[in-house]
Amino acid sequence: MAEEVKLLDFWPSMFGMRVRIALAQKGVAYEYIEEDLRNKSPLLLQMNPIHKKIPVLIHNGKPICESSIIVQYIDEVWNDKAPLLPSHPYDRAQARFWVDFIDKKLYDPTRKIWATKGEEHEAGKKEMIEILKQLEQVLGEKDYFGGESMGIIDIALIGFYSWFYTYETIGKFSIEAECPKIISWGKRCLQNESVAKSLPDSRKIYDFVVQVQKAMGII
């Protein structure tokens, strides 16, 4: 029986980007279904009734939700090529720890940069830089968080990289000045075809965010 794989997603989502990259790394063919998050489809509400969020991977009719869980699922199901998690249990645990760190720590401060003003906006910039500096220490002198090849930590973080232009333009600051290793790492990841074809253009994201800001009355 042929595999049936569908992805419910929203193009600017850094969480959806993770799943797109993982599927591309594994060479998995799938049907991409773009969601309107202001008017969620019956399929999304049926497949993710708890959180009602994207991304959702539907594999042979069964839904898998939450991007980091989906990426691990993809790694386990399509395990014949491009492993995304380390083979040693300790290294796997460490990788999961840092993915969880990114999930819990990075989204809120980055959202403050474009969705708030004043002190909160400034706090968001400061918090994001502090988190990226911590991640630079984890990266160390390695090419990727996964070592010599991209792994699950890289996949968890690279979607945020595609938003860096937006954060810098709106926040009027330079991430590279503060975190040069992260910028070099991001450029290295973009040399991977799976990443390059899965990430939207940074300026397209910026244009989208400006429209959202106008709708929110921020600008």
C-alpha atoms as a PDB file:
ATOM      1  CA  MET A   1       0.000   0.000   0.000  1.00  0.00           C
ATOM      2  CA  ALA A   2       1.306   3.436  -0.910  1.00  0.00           C
ATOM      3  CA  GLU A   3       2.149   5.824   1.915  1.00  0.00           C
ATOM      4  CA  GLU A   4      -0.294   8.705   2.267  1.00  0.00           C
ATOM      5  CA  VAL A   5       1.401  11.736   3.773  1.00  0.00           C
ATOM      6  CA  LYS A   6      -0.201  15.156   4.179  1.00  0.00           C
ATOM      7  CA  LEU A   7       1.063  18.272   5.928  1.00  0.00           C
ATOM      8  CA  LEU A   8      -1.266  20.937   7.295  1.00  0.00           C
ATOM      9  CA  ASP A   9       0.869  24.051   7.503  1.00  0.00           C
ATOM     10  CA  PHE A  10       1.097  27.851   7.203  1.00  0.00           C
ATOM     11  CA  TRP A  11       3.970  29.104   5.069  1.00  0.00           C
ATOM     12  CA  PRO A  12       5.616  31.648   7.489  1.00  0.00           C
ATOM     13  CA  SER A  13       5.554  29.227  10.445  1.00  0.00           C
ATOM     14  CA  MET A  14       9.040  28.436  11.738  1.00  0.00           C
ATOM     15  CA  PHE A  15       7.493  25.326  13.290  1.00  0.00           C
ATOM     16  CA  GLY A  16       6.062  24.159   9.990  1.00  0.00           C
ATOM     17  CA  MET A  17       9.459  24.760   8.380  1.00  0.00           C
ATOM     18  CA  ARG A  18      10.920  22.098  10.671  1.00  0.00           C
ATOM     19  CA  VAL A  19       8.592  19.461   9.300  1.00  0.00           C
ATOM     20  CA  ARG A  20       9.169  20.519   5.689  1.00  0.00           C
ATOM     21  CA  ILE A  21      12.942  20.232   6.161  1.00  0.00           C
ATOM     22  CA  ALA A  22      12.702  16.830   7.872  1.00  0.00           C
ATOM     23  CA  LEU A  23      10.497  15.442   5.094  1.00  0.00           C
ATOM     24  CA  ALA A  24      12.863  16.860   2.465  1.00  0.00           C
ATOM     25  CA  GLN A  25      15.903  15.365   4.217  1.00  0.00           C
ATOM     26  CA  LYS A  26      14.228  11.972   4.179  1.00  0.00           C
ATOM     27  CA  GLY A  27      12.982  12.338   0.593  1.00  0.00           C
ATOM     28  CA  VAL A  28       9.347  11.788   1.611  1.00  0.00           C
ATOM     29  CA  ALA A  29       6.714  12.838  -0.921  1.00  0.00           C
ATOM     30  CA  TYR A  30       3.685  14.534   0.636  1.00  0.00           C
ATOM     31  CA  GLU A  31       0.669  16.673  -0.061  1.00  0.00           C
ATOM     32  CA  TYR A  32       1.045  20.203   1.277  1.00  0.00           C
ATOM     33  CA  ILE A  33      -2.163  21.809   2.546  1.00  0.00           C
ATOM     34  CA  GLU A  34      -1.942  25.542   3.354  1.00  0.00           C
ATOM     35  CA  GLU A  35      -4.112  26.621   6.276  1.00  0.00           C
ATOM     36  CA  ASP A  36      -5.800  29.979   6.870  1.00  0.00           C
ATOM     37  CA  LEU A  37      -5.287  30.387  10.607  1.00  0.00           C
ATOM     38  CA  ARG A  38      -8.070  32.991  10.795  1.00  0.00           C
ATOM     39  CA  ASN A  39     -10.478  30.469   9.281  1.00  0.00           C
ATOM     40  CA  LYS A  40      -9.208  27.028  10.263  1.00  0.00           C
ATOM     41  CA  SER A  41     -10.291  24.137   8.091  1.00  0.00           C
ATOM     42  CA  PRO A  42     -12.552  21.347   9.381  1.00  0.00           C
ATOM     43  CA  LEU A  43      -9.645  18.974   8.636  1.00  0.00           C
ATOM     44  CA  LEU A  44      -7.281  20.879  10.959  1.00  0.00           C
ATOM     45  CA  LEU A  45      -9.886  21.025  13.733  1.00  0.00           C
ATOM     46  CA  GLN A  46     -10.538  17.310  13.299  1.00  0.00           C
ATOM     47  CA  MET A  47      -6.865  16.310  13.213  1.00  0.00           C
ATOM     48  CA  ASN A  48      -5.690  18.568  16.057  1.00  0.00           C
ATOM     49  CA  PRO A  49      -8.768  19.092  18.261  1.00  0.00           C
ATOM     50  CA  ILE A  50      -6.691  19.830  21.375  1.00  0.00           C
ATOM     51  CA  HIS A  51      -4.473  22.716  20.232  1.00  0.00           C
ATOM     52  CA  LYS A  52      -6.084  23.486  16.846  1.00  0.00           C
ATOM     53  CA  LYS A  53      -2.645  24.510  15.567  1.00  0.00           C
ATOM     54  CA  ILE A  54      -0.366  23.772  12.652  1.00  0.00           C
ATOM     55  CA  PRO A  55       1.731  21.924  11.718  1.00  0.00           C
ATOM     56  CA  VAL A  56      -0.049  18.587  11.626  1.00  0.00           C
ATOM     57  CA  LEU A  57       1.394  15.600   9.800  1.00  0.00           C
ATOM     58  CA  ILE A  58      -1.229  13.123   8.614  1.00  0.00           C
ATOM     59  CA  HIS A  59       0.316   9.722   7.899  1.00  0.00           C
ATOM     60  CA  ASN A  60      -2.033   7.133   6.428  1.00  0.00           C
ATOM     61  CA  GLY A  61      -4.991   8.987   7.955  1.00  0.00           C
ATOM     62  CA  LYS A  62      -3.479   9.335  11.442  1.00  0.00           C
ATOM     63  CA  PRO A  63      -2.459  12.777  12.785  1.00  0.00           C
ATOM     64  CA  ILE A  64       0.803  13.631  14.542  1.00  0.00           C
ATOM     65  CA  CYS A  65       0.897  17.072  16.199  1.00  0.00           C
ATOM     66  CA  GLU A  66       3.569  19.417  17.623  1.00  0.00           C
ATOM     67  CA  SER A  67       6.531  20.102  15.348  1.00  0.00           C
ATOM     68  CA  SER A  68       9.353  18.622  17.449  1.00  0.00           C
ATOM     69  CA  ILE A  69       7.322  15.437  17.996  1.00  0.00           C
ATOM     70  CA  ILE A  70       6.552  15.268  14.261  1.00  0.00           C
ATOM     71  CA  VAL A  71      10.255  15.555  13.373  1.00  0.00           C
ATOM     72  CA  GLN A  72      11.113  12.706  15.755  1.00  0.00           C
ATOM     73  CA  TYR A  73       8.271  10.638  14.282  1.00  0.00           C
ATOM     74  CA  ILE A  74       9.581  11.249  10.768  1.00  0.00           C
ATOM     75  CA  ASP A  75      13.059  10.154  11.879  1.00  0.00           C
ATOM     76  CA  GLU A  76      11.715   6.914  13.358  1.00  0.00           C
ATOM     77  CA  VAL A  77       9.360   5.998  10.496  1.00  0.00           C
ATOM     78  CA  TRP A  78      11.658   6.846   7.580  1.00  0.00           C
ATOM     79  CA  ASN A  79      14.820   5.569   9.246  1.00  0.00           C
ATOM     80  CA  ASP A  80      16.621   4.338   6.154  1.00  0.00           C
ATOM     81  CA  LYS A  81      18.426   7.616   5.409  1.00  0.00           C
ATOM     82  CA  ALA A  82      19.602  10.951   6.865  1.00  0.00           C
ATOM     83  CA  PRO A  83      19.259  10.258  10.617  1.00  0.00           C
ATOM     84  CA  LEU A  84      18.076  13.367  12.463  1.00  0.00           C
ATOM     85  CA  LEU A  85      18.735  12.200  16.025  1.00  0.00           C
ATOM     86  CA  PRO A  86      22.043  10.844  17.340  1.00  0.00           C
ATOM     87  CA  SER A  87      22.399   7.077  17.754  1.00  0.00           C
ATOM     88  CA  HIS A  88      23.645   7.118  21.382  1.00  0.00           C
ATOM     89  CA  PRO A  89      20.895   7.431  24.047  1.00  0.00           C
ATOM     90  CA  TYR A  90      22.779  10.147  25.972  1.00  0.00           C
ATOM     91  CA  ASP A  91      23.336  12.221  22.851  1.00  0.00           C
ATOM     92  CA  ARG A  92      19.680  11.765  21.903  1.00  0.00           C
ATOM     93  CA  ALA A  93      18.629  12.989  25.349  1.00  0.00           C
ATOM     94  CA  GLN A  94      20.876  16.051  25.011  1.00  0.00           C
ATOM     95  CA  ALA A  95      19.474  16.815  21.555  1.00  0.00           C
ATOM     96  CA  ARG A  96      15.914  16.570  22.890  1.00  0.00           C
ATOM     97  CA  PHE A  97      16.843  18.872  25.786  1.00  0.00           C
ATOM     98  CA  TRP A  98      18.042  21.637  23.458  1.00  0.00           C
ATOM     99  CA  VAL A  99      15.069  21.256  21.121  1.00  0.00           C
ATOM    100  CA  ASP A 100      12.835  21.644  24.182  1.00  0.00           C
ATOM    101  CA  PHE A 101      14.905  24.689  25.225  1.00  0.00           C
ATOM    102  CA  ILE A 102      14.328  26.310  21.811  1.00  0.00           C
ATOM    103  CA  ASP A 103      10.612  25.454  21.935  1.00  0.00           C
ATOM    104  CA  LYS A 104      10.103  26.945  25.393  1.00  0.00           C
ATOM    105  CA  LYS A 105      12.464  29.912  25.325  1.00  0.00           C
ATOM    106  CA  LEU A 106      12.752  31.458  21.873  1.00  0.00           C
ATOM    107  CA  TYR A 107       9.281  32.091  20.462  1.00  0.00           C
ATOM    108  CA  ASP A 108       7.951  34.501  23.102  1.00  0.00           C
ATOM    109  CA  PRO A 109      10.858  36.988  23.048  1.00  0.00           C
ATOM    110  CA  THR A 110      11.048  36.954  19.252  1.00  0.00           C
ATOM    111  CA  ARG A 111       7.323  37.647  19.049  1.00  0.00           C
ATOM    112  CA  LYS A 112       7.770  40.623  21.390  1.00  0.00           C
ATOM    113  CA  ILE A 113      10.151  42.170  18.846  1.00  0.00           C
ATOM    114  CA  TRP A 114       7.456  42.566  16.188  1.00  0.00           C
ATOM    115  CA  ALA A 115       4.204  42.366  18.171  1.00  0.00           C
ATOM    116  CA  THR A 116       4.895  44.865  20.982  1.00  0.00           C
ATOM    117  CA  LYS A 117       6.279  48.367  21.542  1.00  0.00           C
ATOM    118  CA  GLY A 118       8.404  50.174  24.099  1.00  0.00           C
ATOM    119  CA  GLU A 119       9.908  48.334  27.040  1.00  0.00           C
ATOM    120  CA  GLU A 120       8.434  44.979  26.076  1.00  0.00           C
ATOM    121  CA  HIS A 121       9.855  45.308  22.558  1.00  0.00           C
ATOM    122  CA  GLU A 122      13.307  46.144  23.939  1.00  0.00           C
ATOM    123  CA  ALA A 123      13.109  43.272  26.441  1.00  0.00           C
ATOM    124  CA  GLY A 124      12.316  40.878  23.599  1.00  0.00           C
ATOM    125  CA  LYS A 125      15.497  41.871  21.738  1.00  0.00           C
ATOM    126  CA  LYS A 126      17.630  41.455  24.859  1.00  0.00           C
ATOM    127  CA  GLU A 127      16.099  38.072  25.727  1.00  0.00           C
ATOM    128  CA  MET A 128      16.527  36.739  22.199  1.00  0.00           C
ATOM    129  CA  ILE A 129      20.208  37.677  22.076  1.00  0.00           C
ATOM    130  CA  GLU A 130      20.820  36.036  25.481  1.00  0.00           C
ATOM    131  CA  ILE A 131      19.202  32.811  24.260  1.00  0.00           C
ATOM    132  CA  LEU A 132      21.163  32.834  20.992  1.00  0.00           C
ATOM    133  CA  LYS A 133      24.405  33.343  22.938  1.00  0.00           C
ATOM    134  CA  GLN A 134      23.587  30.280  25.035  1.00  0.00           C
ATOM    135  CA  LEU A 135      23.000  28.325  21.831  1.00  0.00           C
ATOM    136  CA  GLU A 136      26.325  29.572  20.433  1.00  0.00           C
ATOM    137  CA  GLN A 137      28.020  27.926  23.418  1.00  0.00           C
ATOM    138  CA  VAL A 138      26.260  24.646  22.582  1.00  0.00           C
ATOM    139  CA  LEU A 139      27.327  24.945  18.945  1.00  0.00           C
ATOM    140  CA  GLY A 140      30.933  25.631  19.931  1.00  0.00           C
ATOM    141  CA  GLU A 141      33.305  25.088  17.011  1.00  0.00           C
ATOM    142  CA  LYS A 142      31.121  22.490  15.292  1.00  0.00           C
ATOM    143  CA  ASP A 143      29.683  23.074  11.826  1.00  0.00           C
ATOM    144  CA  TYR A 144      26.230  22.047  13.051  1.00  0.00           C
ATOM    145  CA  PHE A 145      24.618  21.349  16.392  1.00  0.00           C
ATOM    146  CA  GLY A 146      24.459  17.756  15.150  1.00  0.00           C
ATOM    147  CA  GLY A 147      28.235  17.733  14.541  1.00  0.00           C
ATOM    148  CA  GLU A 148      29.363  17.289  10.954  1.00  0.00           C
ATOM    149  CA  SER A 149      25.815  17.015   9.593  1.00  0.00           C
ATOM    150  CA  MET A 150      22.487  18.657  10.323  1.00  0.00           C
ATOM    151  CA  GLY A 151      20.439  17.146  13.113  1.00  0.00           C
ATOM    152  CA  ILE A 152      17.265  17.808  15.020  1.00  0.00           C
ATOM    153  CA  ILE A 153      18.607  20.850  16.929  1.00  0.00           C
ATOM    154  CA  ASP A 154      19.590  22.507  13.664  1.00  0.00           C
ATOM    155  CA  ILE A 155      16.154  21.761  12.230  1.00  0.00           C
ATOM    156  CA  ALA A 156      14.482  23.151  15.372  1.00  0.00           C
ATOM    157  CA  LEU A 157      16.359  26.465  15.159  1.00  0.00           C
ATOM    158  CA  ILE A 158      16.774  27.203  11.447  1.00  0.00           C
ATOM    159  CA  GLY A 159      13.170  28.338  10.947  1.00  0.00           C
ATOM    160  CA  PHE A 160      13.825  31.238  13.328  1.00  0.00           C
ATOM    161  CA  TYR A 161      16.843  32.167  11.188  1.00  0.00           C
ATOM    162  CA  SER A 162      14.505  32.886   8.282  1.00  0.00           C
ATOM    163  CA  TRP A 163      12.811  35.495  10.516  1.00  0.00           C
ATOM    164  CA  PHE A 164      16.087  37.199  11.512  1.00  0.00           C
ATOM    165  CA  TYR A 165      15.748  39.836   8.759  1.00  0.00           C
ATOM    166  CA  THR A 166      12.323  40.743  10.147  1.00  0.00           C
ATOM    167  CA  TYR A 167      13.562  40.948  13.747  1.00  0.00           C
ATOM    168  CA  GLU A 168      16.555  43.096  12.736  1.00  0.00           C
ATOM    169  CA  THR A 169      14.590  45.427  10.455  1.00  0.00           C
ATOM    170  CA  ILE A 170      11.783  46.029  12.925  1.00  0.00           C
ATOM    171  CA  GLY A 171      14.060  46.058  15.981  1.00  0.00           C
ATOM    172  CA  LYS A 172      16.808  48.140  14.333  1.00  0.00           C
ATOM    173  CA  PHE A 173      19.651  45.972  15.606  1.00  0.00           C
ATOM    174  CA  SER A 174      22.189  43.466  14.264  1.00  0.00           C
ATOM    175  CA  ILE A 175      22.070  39.829  15.341  1.00  0.00           C
ATOM    176  CA  GLU A 176      25.379  39.179  13.580  1.00  0.00           C
ATOM    177  CA  ALA A 177      27.117  41.828  15.700  1.00  0.00           C
ATOM    178  CA  GLU A 178      26.051  39.967  18.840  1.00  0.00           C
ATOM    179  CA  CYS A 179      25.998  36.339  17.665  1.00  0.00           C
ATOM    180  CA  PRO A 180      28.305  35.879  14.649  1.00  0.00           C
ATOM    181  CA  LYS A 181      28.544  32.098  15.110  1.00  0.00           C
ATOM    182  CA  ILE A 182      24.775  31.702  14.799  1.00  0.00           C
ATOM    183  CA  ILE A 183      24.760  33.714  11.569  1.00  0.00           C
ATOM    184  CA  SER A 184      27.607  31.625  10.113  1.00  0.00           C
ATOM    185  CA  TRP A 185      25.761  28.472  11.145  1.00  0.00           C
ATOM    186  CA  GLY A 186      22.552  29.692   9.481  1.00  0.00           C
ATOM    187  CA  LYS A 187      24.356  30.428   6.209  1.00  0.00           C
ATOM    188  CA  ARG A 188      25.906  26.946   6.362  1.00  0.00           C
ATOM    189  CA  CYS A 189      22.489  25.348   6.839  1.00  0.00           C
ATOM    190  CA  LEU A 190      21.117  27.233   3.828  1.00  0.00           C
ATOM    191  CA  GLN A 191      23.690  25.462   1.652  1.00  0.00           C
ATOM    192  CA  ASN A 192      21.684  22.280   2.315  1.00  0.00           C
ATOM    193  CA  GLU A 193      19.104  21.856  -0.450  1.00  0.00           C
ATOM    194  CA  SER A 194      16.459  20.563   1.990  1.00  0.00           C
ATOM    195  CA  VAL A 195      16.744  23.767   4.003  1.00  0.00           C
ATOM    196  CA  ALA A 196      17.024  26.150   1.049  1.00  0.00           C
ATOM    197  CA  LYS A 197      13.850  24.868  -0.592  1.00  0.00           C
ATOM    198  CA  SER A 198      11.882  24.656   2.679  1.00  0.00           C
ATOM    199  CA  LEU A 199      12.458  28.187   4.004  1.00  0.00           C
ATOM    200  CA  PRO A 200      10.499  31.121   2.564  1.00  0.00           C
ATOM    201  CA  ASP A 201      12.244  34.289   1.431  1.00  0.00           C
ATOM    202  CA  SER A 202      13.138  36.478   4.421  1.00  0.00           C
ATOM    203  CA  ARG A 203      11.724  39.626   2.808  1.00  0.00           C
ATOM    204  CA  LYS A 204       8.442  37.865   2.090  1.00  0.00           C
ATOM    205  CA  ILE A 205       8.195  37.093   5.818  1.00  0.00           C
ATOM    206  CA  TYR A 206       8.933  40.742   6.625  1.00  0.00           C
ATOM    207  CA  ASP A 207       6.189  41.953   4.269  1.00  0.00           C
ATOM    208  CA  PHE A 208       3.761  39.498   5.883  1.00  0.00           C
ATOM    209  CA  VAL A 209       4.660  40.668   9.406  1.00  0.00           C
ATOM    210  CA  VAL A 210       4.225  44.340   8.458  1.00  0.00           C
ATOM    211  CA  GLN A 211       0.676  43.547   7.293  1.00  0.00           C
ATOM    212  CA  VAL A 212       0.010  41.761  10.610  1.00  0.00           C
ATOM    213  CA  GLN A 213       1.417  44.761  12.512  1.00  0.00           C
ATOM    214  CA  LYS A 214      -0.934  47.079  10.634  1.00  0.00           C
ATOM    215  CA  ALA A 215      -3.882  44.821  11.453  1.00  0.00           C
ATOM    216  CA  MET A 216      -2.855  44.830  15.124  1.00  0.00           C
ATOM    217  CA  GLY A 217      -2.505  48.614  15.156  1.00  0.00           C
ATOM    218  CA  ILE A 218       1.194  48.494  16.054  1.00  0.00           C
ATOM    219  CA  ILE A 219       2.162  50.639  13.050  1.00  0.00           C
END
